[in-house]
């Protein structure tokens, strides 16, 4: 298990766990970041990422990306 910030660009991974407080986990869940969802890193710019999840693309900053464990 590792944070998505350590994943290679273009690789499809499965979300294992979301870390953080309840409100942070709820916000990420509303964006589609839930355990067992497939996620693909589209772009990584110094930890700030664009990921593809559930048919859409979402930009997340490094602090949020570090909470998503794959």
N, C-alpha and C. Protein backbone atom coordinates (compact mmCIF):
# COMPACT_ATOMS: atom_id res chain seq x y z
N UNK A 1 0.85 -1.17 0.00
CA UNK A 1 0.00 0.00 0.00
C UNK A 1 0.90 1.24 0.00
N UNK A 2 0.55 2.23 -0.86
CA UNK A 2 1.33 3.46 -0.96
C UNK A 2 0.40 4.61 -1.34
N UNK A 3 0.81 5.86 -1.08
CA UNK A 3 -0.01 6.98 -1.52
C UNK A 3 0.06 7.11 -3.04
N UNK A 4 -0.99 7.64 -3.63
CA UNK A 4 -1.03 7.73 -5.09
C UNK A 4 0.05 8.66 -5.64
N UNK A 5 0.61 9.52 -4.81
CA UNK A 5 1.69 10.39 -5.27
C UNK A 5 2.93 9.60 -5.69
N UNK A 6 3.03 8.35 -5.25
CA UNK A 6 4.17 7.51 -5.61
C UNK A 6 3.89 6.63 -6.83
N UNK A 7 2.68 6.70 -7.38
CA UNK A 7 2.30 5.86 -8.51
C UNK A 7 2.84 6.42 -9.82
N UNK A 8 3.06 5.54 -10.77
CA UNK A 8 3.53 5.92 -12.09
C UNK A 8 2.39 6.48 -12.93
N UNK A 9 2.70 7.45 -13.77
CA UNK A 9 1.72 8.04 -14.68
C UNK A 9 1.26 6.98 -15.68
N UNK A 10 -0.05 6.93 -15.92
CA UNK A 10 -0.62 6.01 -16.89
C UNK A 10 -1.02 4.66 -16.33
N UNK A 11 -0.67 4.38 -15.11
CA UNK A 11 -0.97 3.08 -14.52
C UNK A 11 -2.33 3.12 -13.82
N UNK A 12 -3.14 2.09 -14.05
CA UNK A 12 -4.45 1.98 -13.40
C UNK A 12 -4.28 1.22 -12.09
N UNK A 13 -4.75 1.81 -11.01
CA UNK A 13 -4.61 1.23 -9.68
C UNK A 13 -5.97 1.17 -9.00
N UNK A 14 -6.04 0.43 -7.92
CA UNK A 14 -7.27 0.31 -7.14
C UNK A 14 -7.06 1.02 -5.80
N UNK A 15 -8.02 1.87 -5.43
CA UNK A 15 -7.95 2.56 -4.15
C UNK A 15 -8.20 1.56 -3.03
N UNK A 16 -7.30 1.56 -2.04
CA UNK A 16 -7.40 0.64 -0.91
C UNK A 16 -8.04 1.35 0.28
N UNK A 17 -7.61 2.60 0.53
CA UNK A 17 -8.03 3.30 1.74
C UNK A 17 -7.89 4.80 1.52
N UNK A 18 -8.73 5.57 2.21
CA UNK A 18 -8.64 7.02 2.23
C UNK A 18 -8.35 7.44 3.67
N UNK A 19 -7.24 8.15 3.87
CA UNK A 19 -6.87 8.63 5.20
C UNK A 19 -7.37 10.05 5.41
N UNK A 20 -7.48 10.46 6.66
CA UNK A 20 -7.85 11.83 6.96
C UNK A 20 -9.06 11.91 7.86
N UNK A 21 -9.44 13.13 8.18
CA UNK A 21 -10.62 13.36 9.01
C UNK A 21 -11.88 13.04 8.23
N UNK A 22 -12.99 12.93 8.97
CA UNK A 22 -14.27 12.57 8.35
C UNK A 22 -14.66 13.52 7.23
N UNK A 23 -14.48 14.83 7.43
CA UNK A 23 -14.91 15.78 6.40
C UNK A 23 -14.04 15.68 5.15
N UNK A 24 -12.77 15.36 5.30
CA UNK A 24 -11.88 15.18 4.14
C UNK A 24 -12.26 13.92 3.39
N UNK A 25 -12.48 12.83 4.12
CA UNK A 25 -12.87 11.57 3.48
C UNK A 25 -14.22 11.72 2.77
N UNK A 26 -15.15 12.47 3.38
CA UNK A 26 -16.46 12.69 2.77
C UNK A 26 -16.32 13.49 1.47
N UNK A 27 -15.49 14.52 1.48
CA UNK A 27 -15.28 15.34 0.28
C UNK A 27 -14.69 14.49 -0.85
N UNK A 28 -13.70 13.68 -0.52
CA UNK A 28 -13.10 12.82 -1.55
C UNK A 28 -14.10 11.78 -2.05
N UNK A 29 -14.92 11.25 -1.16
CA UNK A 29 -15.94 10.27 -1.56
C UNK A 29 -16.93 10.91 -2.53
N UNK A 30 -17.29 12.16 -2.31
CA UNK A 30 -18.21 12.86 -3.21
C UNK A 30 -17.61 13.05 -4.60
N UNK A 31 -16.28 13.10 -4.67
CA UNK A 31 -15.61 13.20 -5.96
C UNK A 31 -15.39 11.83 -6.61
N UNK A 32 -15.73 10.76 -5.90
CA UNK A 32 -15.60 9.41 -6.45
C UNK A 32 -14.45 8.61 -5.89
N UNK A 33 -13.69 9.17 -4.97
CA UNK A 33 -12.55 8.48 -4.38
C UNK A 33 -13.03 7.60 -3.23
N UNK A 34 -13.37 6.37 -3.55
CA UNK A 34 -13.86 5.42 -2.57
C UNK A 34 -13.04 4.13 -2.69
N UNK A 35 -12.93 3.35 -1.61
CA UNK A 35 -12.20 2.08 -1.70
C UNK A 35 -12.75 1.18 -2.81
N UNK A 36 -11.88 0.46 -3.46
CA UNK A 36 -12.14 -0.47 -4.56
C UNK A 36 -12.42 0.21 -5.90
N UNK A 37 -12.36 1.55 -5.95
CA UNK A 37 -12.53 2.25 -7.24
C UNK A 37 -11.20 2.22 -8.00
N UNK A 38 -11.29 2.11 -9.31
CA UNK A 38 -10.09 2.17 -10.15
C UNK A 38 -9.73 3.63 -10.38
N UNK A 39 -8.42 3.92 -10.36
CA UNK A 39 -7.94 5.28 -10.53
C UNK A 39 -6.70 5.23 -11.42
N UNK A 40 -6.58 6.24 -12.30
CA UNK A 40 -5.45 6.31 -13.21
C UNK A 40 -4.81 7.69 -13.09
N UNK A 41 -3.50 7.72 -12.92
CA UNK A 41 -2.77 8.98 -12.87
C UNK A 41 -2.56 9.46 -14.30
N UNK A 42 -3.15 10.61 -14.64
CA UNK A 42 -3.02 11.17 -15.97
C UNK A 42 -1.80 12.08 -16.05
N UNK A 43 -1.61 12.91 -15.00
CA UNK A 43 -0.51 13.85 -14.99
C UNK A 43 -0.05 14.07 -13.55
N UNK A 44 1.26 14.23 -13.37
CA UNK A 44 1.83 14.49 -12.05
C UNK A 44 2.80 15.66 -12.19
N UNK A 45 2.48 16.76 -11.52
CA UNK A 45 3.31 17.95 -11.58
C UNK A 45 3.77 18.30 -10.17
N UNK A 46 4.82 17.66 -9.71
CA UNK A 46 5.36 17.94 -8.39
C UNK A 46 4.44 17.53 -7.26
N UNK A 47 3.64 16.50 -7.46
CA UNK A 47 2.71 16.03 -6.44
C UNK A 47 1.29 16.48 -6.68
N UNK A 48 1.11 17.62 -7.37
CA UNK A 48 -0.23 18.03 -7.78
C UNK A 48 -0.60 17.17 -8.98
N UNK A 49 -1.77 16.55 -8.94
CA UNK A 49 -2.07 15.52 -9.91
C UNK A 49 -3.40 15.73 -10.63
N UNK A 50 -3.46 15.18 -11.82
CA UNK A 50 -4.73 15.00 -12.52
C UNK A 50 -4.93 13.51 -12.61
N UNK A 51 -6.07 13.05 -12.10
CA UNK A 51 -6.36 11.62 -12.10
C UNK A 51 -7.68 11.37 -12.81
N UNK A 52 -7.79 10.19 -13.36
CA UNK A 52 -9.04 9.77 -14.00
C UNK A 52 -9.71 8.77 -13.08
N UNK A 53 -10.97 9.06 -12.74
CA UNK A 53 -11.72 8.19 -11.86
C UNK A 53 -13.18 8.22 -12.27
N UNK A 54 -13.76 7.04 -12.39
CA UNK A 54 -15.17 6.89 -12.74
C UNK A 54 -15.56 7.71 -13.97
N UNK A 55 -14.73 7.66 -15.01
CA UNK A 55 -15.04 8.30 -16.27
C UNK A 55 -14.77 9.78 -16.35
N UNK A 56 -14.30 10.40 -15.27
CA UNK A 56 -14.00 11.83 -15.28
C UNK A 56 -12.58 12.09 -14.83
N UNK A 57 -12.14 13.32 -15.05
CA UNK A 57 -10.80 13.71 -14.60
C UNK A 57 -10.93 14.73 -13.49
N UNK A 58 -10.10 14.57 -12.46
CA UNK A 58 -10.13 15.44 -11.29
C UNK A 58 -8.71 15.88 -10.98
N UNK A 59 -8.55 17.18 -10.70
CA UNK A 59 -7.25 17.71 -10.26
C UNK A 59 -7.25 17.75 -8.74
N UNK A 60 -6.19 17.22 -8.14
CA UNK A 60 -6.06 17.24 -6.68
C UNK A 60 -4.66 17.71 -6.32
N UNK A 61 -4.56 18.38 -5.18
CA UNK A 61 -3.25 18.86 -4.75
C UNK A 61 -2.51 17.74 -4.00
N UNK A 62 -1.25 18.03 -3.71
CA UNK A 62 -0.39 17.01 -3.11
C UNK A 62 -0.90 16.53 -1.76
N UNK A 63 -1.43 17.44 -0.93
CA UNK A 63 -1.90 17.02 0.39
C UNK A 63 -3.09 16.07 0.30
N UNK A 64 -3.98 16.31 -0.65
CA UNK A 64 -5.12 15.40 -0.84
C UNK A 64 -4.64 14.08 -1.45
N UNK A 65 -3.74 14.17 -2.41
CA UNK A 65 -3.25 12.95 -3.07
C UNK A 65 -2.54 12.02 -2.08
N UNK A 66 -1.86 12.59 -1.10
CA UNK A 66 -1.16 11.76 -0.11
C UNK A 66 -2.12 11.00 0.79
N UNK A 67 -3.38 11.36 0.83
CA UNK A 67 -4.39 10.66 1.65
C UNK A 67 -4.99 9.46 0.92
N UNK A 68 -4.78 9.38 -0.39
CA UNK A 68 -5.37 8.30 -1.19
C UNK A 68 -4.35 7.18 -1.30
N UNK A 69 -4.67 6.06 -0.64
CA UNK A 69 -3.77 4.91 -0.63
C UNK A 69 -4.21 3.89 -1.67
N UNK A 70 -3.23 3.45 -2.47
CA UNK A 70 -3.51 2.45 -3.52
C UNK A 70 -2.66 1.22 -3.31
